[in-house]
Amino acid sequence: MAGERSKSDGRQTGVKLNPGDQAGPGTPGTGENTCPDCGGSGRVNAQPCKTCGGTGKVIEGISGG
């Protein structure tokens, strides 16, 4: 099913992901970031943002060095 990831890749099964999410919540090496499309408001043109699902946040991989 779309939006679900398997445990075999380290992500949670059954967690609904928004289109802007790179991984599920709590996945090691990821963190919350402000949605680039709505700037964190959760809305674009008075409609819920499609990238973040209206939350204003996306989950992205974090860089390390």
PDB file of N, CA and C in Angstrom:
ATOM      1  N   MET A   1       0.849  -1.178   0.000  1.00  0.00           N
ATOM      2  CA  MET A   1       0.000   0.000   0.000  1.00  0.00           C
ATOM      3  C   MET A   1       0.896   1.244   0.000  1.00  0.00           C
ATOM      4  N   ALA A   2       0.501   2.268  -0.728  1.00  0.00           N
ATOM      5  CA  ALA A   2       1.275   3.498  -0.802  1.00  0.00           C
ATOM      6  C   ALA A   2       1.397   4.122   0.580  1.00  0.00           C
ATOM      7  N   GLY A   3       2.584   4.652   0.865  1.00  0.00           N
ATOM      8  CA  GLY A   3       2.799   5.301   2.153  1.00  0.00           C
ATOM      9  C   GLY A   3       3.227   4.371   3.261  1.00  0.00           C
ATOM     10  N   GLU A   4       3.276   3.086   2.992  1.00  0.00           N
ATOM     11  CA  GLU A   4       3.730   2.140   4.007  1.00  0.00           C
ATOM     12  C   GLU A   4       5.109   1.637   3.642  1.00  0.00           C
ATOM     13  N   ARG A   5       5.934   1.471   4.642  1.00  0.00           N
ATOM     14  CA  ARG A   5       7.289   0.981   4.430  1.00  0.00           C
ATOM     15  C   ARG A   5       7.480  -0.263   5.281  1.00  0.00           C
ATOM     16  N   SER A   6       8.344  -1.147   4.835  1.00  0.00           N
ATOM     17  CA  SER A   6       8.550  -2.383   5.581  1.00  0.00           C
ATOM     18  C   SER A   6       9.604  -2.209   6.654  1.00  0.00           C
ATOM     19  N   LYS A   7       9.557  -3.079   7.661  1.00  0.00           N
ATOM     20  CA  LYS A   7      10.549  -3.036   8.731  1.00  0.00           C
ATOM     21  C   LYS A   7      11.931  -3.444   8.238  1.00  0.00           C
ATOM     22  N   SER A   8      11.997  -4.169   7.135  1.00  0.00           N
ATOM     23  CA  SER A   8      13.281  -4.656   6.657  1.00  0.00           C
ATOM     24  C   SER A   8      14.221  -3.522   6.244  1.00  0.00           C
ATOM     25  N   ASP A   9      13.688  -2.346   5.905  1.00  0.00           N
ATOM     26  CA  ASP A   9      14.561  -1.234   5.542  1.00  0.00           C
ATOM     27  C   ASP A   9      14.715  -0.248   6.702  1.00  0.00           C
ATOM     28  N   GLY A  10      14.329  -0.658   7.914  1.00  0.00           N
ATOM     29  CA  GLY A  10      14.519   0.156   9.101  1.00  0.00           C
ATOM     30  C   GLY A  10      13.424   1.161   9.348  1.00  0.00           C
ATOM     31  N   ARG A  11      12.364   1.105   8.584  1.00  0.00           N
ATOM     32  CA  ARG A  11      11.265   2.050   8.743  1.00  0.00           C
ATOM     33  C   ARG A  11      10.047   1.334   9.289  1.00  0.00           C
ATOM     34  N   GLN A  12       9.144   2.098   9.863  1.00  0.00           N
ATOM     35  CA  GLN A  12       7.976   1.531  10.502  1.00  0.00           C
ATOM     36  C   GLN A  12       6.934   1.098   9.480  1.00  0.00           C
ATOM     37  N   THR A  13       6.313  -0.045   9.720  1.00  0.00           N
ATOM     38  CA  THR A  13       5.247  -0.532   8.858  1.00  0.00           C
ATOM     39  C   THR A  13       3.931   0.124   9.263  1.00  0.00           C
ATOM     40  N   GLY A  14       3.123   0.483   8.290  1.00  0.00           N
ATOM     41  CA  GLY A  14       1.809   1.029   8.562  1.00  0.00           C
ATOM     42  C   GLY A  14       1.789   2.511   8.886  1.00  0.00           C
ATOM     43  N   VAL A  15       2.929   3.191   8.838  1.00  0.00           N
ATOM     44  CA  VAL A  15       2.981   4.613   9.115  1.00  0.00           C
ATOM     45  C   VAL A  15       2.657   5.362   7.833  1.00  0.00           C
ATOM     46  N   LYS A  16       1.685   6.268   7.883  1.00  0.00           N
ATOM     47  CA  LYS A  16       1.328   7.042   6.698  1.00  0.00           C
ATOM     48  C   LYS A  16       2.379   8.125   6.484  1.00  0.00           C
ATOM     49  N   LEU A  17       2.976   8.094   5.313  1.00  0.00           N
ATOM     50  CA  LEU A  17       3.964   9.101   4.964  1.00  0.00           C
ATOM     51  C   LEU A  17       3.339  10.119   4.028  1.00  0.00           C
ATOM     52  N   ASN A  18       3.726  11.365   4.183  1.00  0.00           N
ATOM     53  CA  ASN A  18       3.303  12.414   3.265  1.00  0.00           C
ATOM     54  C   ASN A  18       4.269  12.443   2.091  1.00  0.00           C
ATOM     55  N   PRO A  19       3.864  13.002   0.955  1.00  0.00           N
ATOM     56  CA  PRO A  19       4.740  13.003  -0.216  1.00  0.00           C
ATOM     57  C   PRO A  19       6.119  13.608   0.023  1.00  0.00           C
ATOM     58  N   GLY A  20       6.241  14.560   0.941  1.00  0.00           N
ATOM     59  CA  GLY A  20       7.528  15.198   1.214  1.00  0.00           C
ATOM     60  C   GLY A  20       8.410  14.443   2.185  1.00  0.00           C
ATOM     61  N   ASP A  21       7.890  13.383   2.811  1.00  0.00           N
ATOM     62  CA  ASP A  21       8.670  12.611   3.785  1.00  0.00           C
ATOM     63  C   ASP A  21       9.630  11.665   3.075  1.00  0.00           C
ATOM     64  N   GLN A  22      10.853  11.613   3.560  1.00  0.00           N
ATOM     65  CA  GLN A  22      11.839  10.681   3.032  1.00  0.00           C
ATOM     66  C   GLN A  22      11.862   9.385   3.832  1.00  0.00           C
ATOM     67  N   ALA A  23      11.291   9.404   5.036  1.00  0.00           N
ATOM     68  CA  ALA A  23      11.278   8.235   5.911  1.00  0.00           C
ATOM     69  C   ALA A  23      10.181   8.408   6.951  1.00  0.00           C
ATOM     70  N   GLY A  24       9.891   7.336   7.674  1.00  0.00           N
ATOM     71  CA  GLY A  24       8.902   7.394   8.741  1.00  0.00           C
ATOM     72  C   GLY A  24       9.456   8.030  10.001  1.00  0.00           C
ATOM     73  N   PRO A  25       8.578   8.499  10.889  1.00  0.00           N
ATOM     74  CA  PRO A  25       9.010   9.095  12.146  1.00  0.00           C
ATOM     75  C   PRO A  25       9.874   8.127  12.958  1.00  0.00           C
ATOM     76  N   GLY A  26      10.939   8.633  13.526  1.00  0.00           N
ATOM     77  CA  GLY A  26      11.799   7.824  14.376  1.00  0.00           C
ATOM     78  C   GLY A  26      12.845   7.005  13.644  1.00  0.00           C
ATOM     79  N   THR A  27      12.890   7.100  12.318  1.00  0.00           N
ATOM     80  CA  THR A  27      13.892   6.366  11.561  1.00  0.00           C
ATOM     81  C   THR A  27      15.266   6.950  11.880  1.00  0.00           C
ATOM     82  N   PRO A  28      16.228   6.107  12.260  1.00  0.00           N
ATOM     83  CA  PRO A  28      17.570   6.612  12.560  1.00  0.00           C
ATOM     84  C   PRO A  28      18.149   7.400  11.380  1.00  0.00           C
ATOM     85  N   GLY A  29      18.816   8.500  11.687  1.00  0.00           N
ATOM     86  CA  GLY A  29      19.434   9.321  10.663  1.00  0.00           C
ATOM     87  C   GLY A  29      18.486  10.308  10.017  1.00  0.00           C
ATOM     88  N   THR A  30      17.294  10.504  10.610  1.00  0.00           N
ATOM     89  CA  THR A  30      16.320  11.449  10.063  1.00  0.00           C
ATOM     90  C   THR A  30      15.860  12.412  11.137  1.00  0.00           C
ATOM     91  N   GLY A  31      15.216  13.479  10.705  1.00  0.00           N
ATOM     92  CA  GLY A  31      14.654  14.443  11.639  1.00  0.00           C
ATOM     93  C   GLY A  31      13.592  15.271  10.955  1.00  0.00           C
ATOM     94  N   GLU A  32      12.829  16.007  11.752  1.00  0.00           N
ATOM     95  CA  GLU A  32      11.789  16.875  11.207  1.00  0.00           C
ATOM     96  C   GLU A  32      12.418  18.149  10.667  1.00  0.00           C
ATOM     97  N   ASN A  33      11.850  18.633   9.580  1.00  0.00           N
ATOM     98  CA  ASN A  33      12.288  19.889   9.001  1.00  0.00           C
ATOM     99  C   ASN A  33      11.044  20.650   8.566  1.00  0.00           C
ATOM    100  N   THR A  34      11.171  21.949   8.392  1.00  0.00           N
ATOM    101  CA  THR A  34      10.071  22.764   7.904  1.00  0.00           C
ATOM    102  C   THR A  34       9.781  22.404   6.452  1.00  0.00           C
ATOM    103  N   CYS A  35       8.524  22.264   6.117  1.00  0.00           N
ATOM    104  CA  CYS A  35       8.123  21.942   4.751  1.00  0.00           C
ATOM    105  C   CYS A  35       8.592  23.051   3.812  1.00  0.00           C
ATOM    106  N   PRO A  36       9.278  22.679   2.734  1.00  0.00           N
ATOM    107  CA  PRO A  36       9.775  23.707   1.810  1.00  0.00           C
ATOM    108  C   PRO A  36       8.676  24.362   0.968  1.00  0.00           C
ATOM    109  N   ASP A  37       7.544  23.718   0.822  1.00  0.00           N
ATOM    110  CA  ASP A  37       6.490  24.261  -0.029  1.00  0.00           C
ATOM    111  C   ASP A  37       5.566  25.236   0.691  1.00  0.00           C
ATOM    112  N   CYS A  38       5.274  25.005   1.954  1.00  0.00           N
ATOM    113  CA  CYS A  38       4.359  25.898   2.683  1.00  0.00           C
ATOM    114  C   CYS A  38       5.085  26.736   3.735  1.00  0.00           C
ATOM    115  N   GLY A  39       6.382  26.503   3.910  1.00  0.00           N
ATOM    116  CA  GLY A  39       7.151  27.275   4.885  1.00  0.00           C
ATOM    117  C   GLY A  39       6.766  26.983   6.320  1.00  0.00           C
ATOM    118  N   GLY A  40       6.123  25.850   6.560  1.00  0.00           N
ATOM    119  CA  GLY A  40       5.754  25.459   7.909  1.00  0.00           C
ATOM    120  C   GLY A  40       4.337  25.824   8.307  1.00  0.00           C
ATOM    121  N   SER A  41       3.612  26.486   7.424  1.00  0.00           N
ATOM    122  CA  SER A  41       2.242  26.897   7.761  1.00  0.00           C
ATOM    123  C   SER A  41       1.242  25.759   7.609  1.00  0.00           C
ATOM    124  N   GLY A  42       1.575  24.780   6.759  1.00  0.00           N
ATOM    125  CA  GLY A  42       0.658  23.671   6.506  1.00  0.00           C
ATOM    126  C   GLY A  42      -0.389  23.976   5.449  1.00  0.00           C
ATOM    127  N   ARG A  43      -0.330  25.199   4.885  1.00  0.00           N
ATOM    128  CA  ARG A  43      -1.336  25.595   3.899  1.00  0.00           C
ATOM    129  C   ARG A  43      -0.675  26.275   2.703  1.00  0.00           C
ATOM    130  N   VAL A  44      -1.230  26.010   1.516  1.00  0.00           N
ATOM    131  CA  VAL A  44      -0.813  26.665   0.280  1.00  0.00           C
ATOM    132  C   VAL A  44      -2.087  27.109  -0.432  1.00  0.00           C
ATOM    133  N   ASN A  45      -2.196  28.398  -0.707  1.00  0.00           N
ATOM    134  CA  ASN A  45      -3.395  28.955  -1.360  1.00  0.00           C
ATOM    135  C   ASN A  45      -4.670  28.556  -0.620  1.00  0.00           C
ATOM    136  N   ALA A  46      -4.675  28.684   0.685  1.00  0.00           N
ATOM    137  CA  ALA A  46      -5.831  28.400   1.554  1.00  0.00           C
ATOM    138  C   ALA A  46      -6.255  26.931   1.544  1.00  0.00           C
ATOM    139  N   GLN A  47      -5.395  26.049   1.043  1.00  0.00           N
ATOM    140  CA  GLN A  47      -5.660  24.604   1.029  1.00  0.00           C
ATOM    141  C   GLN A  47      -4.563  23.895   1.818  1.00  0.00           C
ATOM    142  N   PRO A  48      -4.846  22.715   2.382  1.00  0.00           N
ATOM    143  CA  PRO A  48      -3.787  21.967   3.056  1.00  0.00           C
ATOM    144  C   PRO A  48      -2.640  21.664   2.083  1.00  0.00           C
ATOM    145  N   CYS A  49      -1.432  21.842   2.535  1.00  0.00           N
ATOM    146  CA  CYS A  49      -0.253  21.588   1.709  1.00  0.00           C
ATOM    147  C   CYS A  49      -0.185  20.102   1.361  1.00  0.00           C
ATOM    148  N   LYS A  50       0.017  19.805   0.101  1.00  0.00           N
ATOM    149  CA  LYS A  50       0.085  18.410  -0.347  1.00  0.00           C
ATOM    150  C   LYS A  50       1.423  17.768  -0.011  1.00  0.00           C
ATOM    151  N   THR A  51       2.462  18.558   0.139  1.00  0.00           N
ATOM    152  CA  THR A  51       3.782  18.003   0.423  1.00  0.00           C
ATOM    153  C   THR A  51       3.867  17.457   1.849  1.00  0.00           C
ATOM    154  N   CYS A  52       3.360  18.219   2.811  1.00  0.00           N
ATOM    155  CA  CYS A  52       3.468  17.821   4.219  1.00  0.00           C
ATOM    156  C   CYS A  52       2.157  17.299   4.793  1.00  0.00           C
ATOM    157  N   GLY A  53       1.107  17.274   3.994  1.00  0.00           N
ATOM    158  CA  GLY A  53      -0.186  16.811   4.480  1.00  0.00           C
ATOM    159  C   GLY A  53      -0.826  17.764   5.471  1.00  0.00           C
ATOM    160  N   GLY A  54      -0.398  19.028   5.454  1.00  0.00           N
ATOM    161  CA  GLY A  54      -0.969  20.025   6.352  1.00  0.00           C
ATOM    162  C   GLY A  54      -0.287  20.135   7.703  1.00  0.00           C
ATOM    163  N   THR A  55       0.781  19.377   7.926  1.00  0.00           N
ATOM    164  CA  THR A  55       1.464  19.429   9.217  1.00  0.00           C
ATOM    165  C   THR A  55       2.489  20.551   9.313  1.00  0.00           C
ATOM    166  N   GLY A  56       2.990  21.010   8.154  1.00  0.00           N
ATOM    167  CA  GLY A  56       4.037  22.030   8.147  1.00  0.00           C
ATOM    168  C   GLY A  56       5.426  21.448   8.328  1.00  0.00           C
ATOM    169  N   LYS A  57       5.504  20.118   8.455  1.00  0.00           N
ATOM    170  CA  LYS A  57       6.787  19.452   8.693  1.00  0.00           C
ATOM    171  C   LYS A  57       6.973  18.290   7.726  1.00  0.00           C
ATOM    172  N   VAL A  58       8.214  18.033   7.357  1.00  0.00           N
ATOM    173  CA  VAL A  58       8.580  16.862   6.579  1.00  0.00           C
ATOM    174  C   VAL A  58       9.699  16.152   7.320  1.00  0.00           C
ATOM    175  N   ILE A  59       9.844  14.861   7.075  1.00  0.00           N
ATOM    176  CA  ILE A  59      10.904  14.087   7.700  1.00  0.00           C
ATOM    177  C   ILE A  59      11.963  13.825   6.632  1.00  0.00           C
ATOM    178  N   GLU A  60      13.182  14.266   6.939  1.00  0.00           N
ATOM    179  CA  GLU A  60      14.274  14.177   5.976  1.00  0.00           C
ATOM    180  C   GLU A  60      15.498  13.533   6.607  1.00  0.00           C
ATOM    181  N   GLY A  61      16.351  13.029   5.738  1.00  0.00           N
ATOM    182  CA  GLY A  61      17.626  12.520   6.195  1.00  0.00           C
ATOM    183  C   GLY A  61      18.510  13.672   6.654  1.00  0.00           C
ATOM    184  N   ILE A  62      19.285  13.441   7.705  1.00  0.00           N
ATOM    185  CA  ILE A  62      20.207  14.476   8.186  1.00  0.00           C
ATOM    186  C   ILE A  62      21.610  14.149   7.699  1.00  0.00           C
ATOM    187  N   SER A  63      22.350  15.175   7.462  1.00  0.00           N
ATOM    188  CA  SER A  63      23.711  14.969   6.965  1.00  0.00           C
ATOM    189  C   SER A  63      24.671  14.834   8.139  1.00  0.00           C
ATOM    190  N   GLY A  64      25.726  14.174   7.880  1.00  0.00           N
ATOM    191  CA  GLY A  64      26.751  14.004   8.904  1.00  0.00           C
ATOM    192  C   GLY A  64      28.108  14.166   8.253  1.00  0.00           C
ATOM    193  N   GLY A  65      29.076  14.247   9.048  1.00  0.00           N
ATOM    194  CA  GLY A  65      30.352  14.453   8.411  1.00  0.00           C
ATOM    195  C   GLY A  65      31.412  13.940   9.210  1.00  0.00           C
TER     196      GLY A  65
END
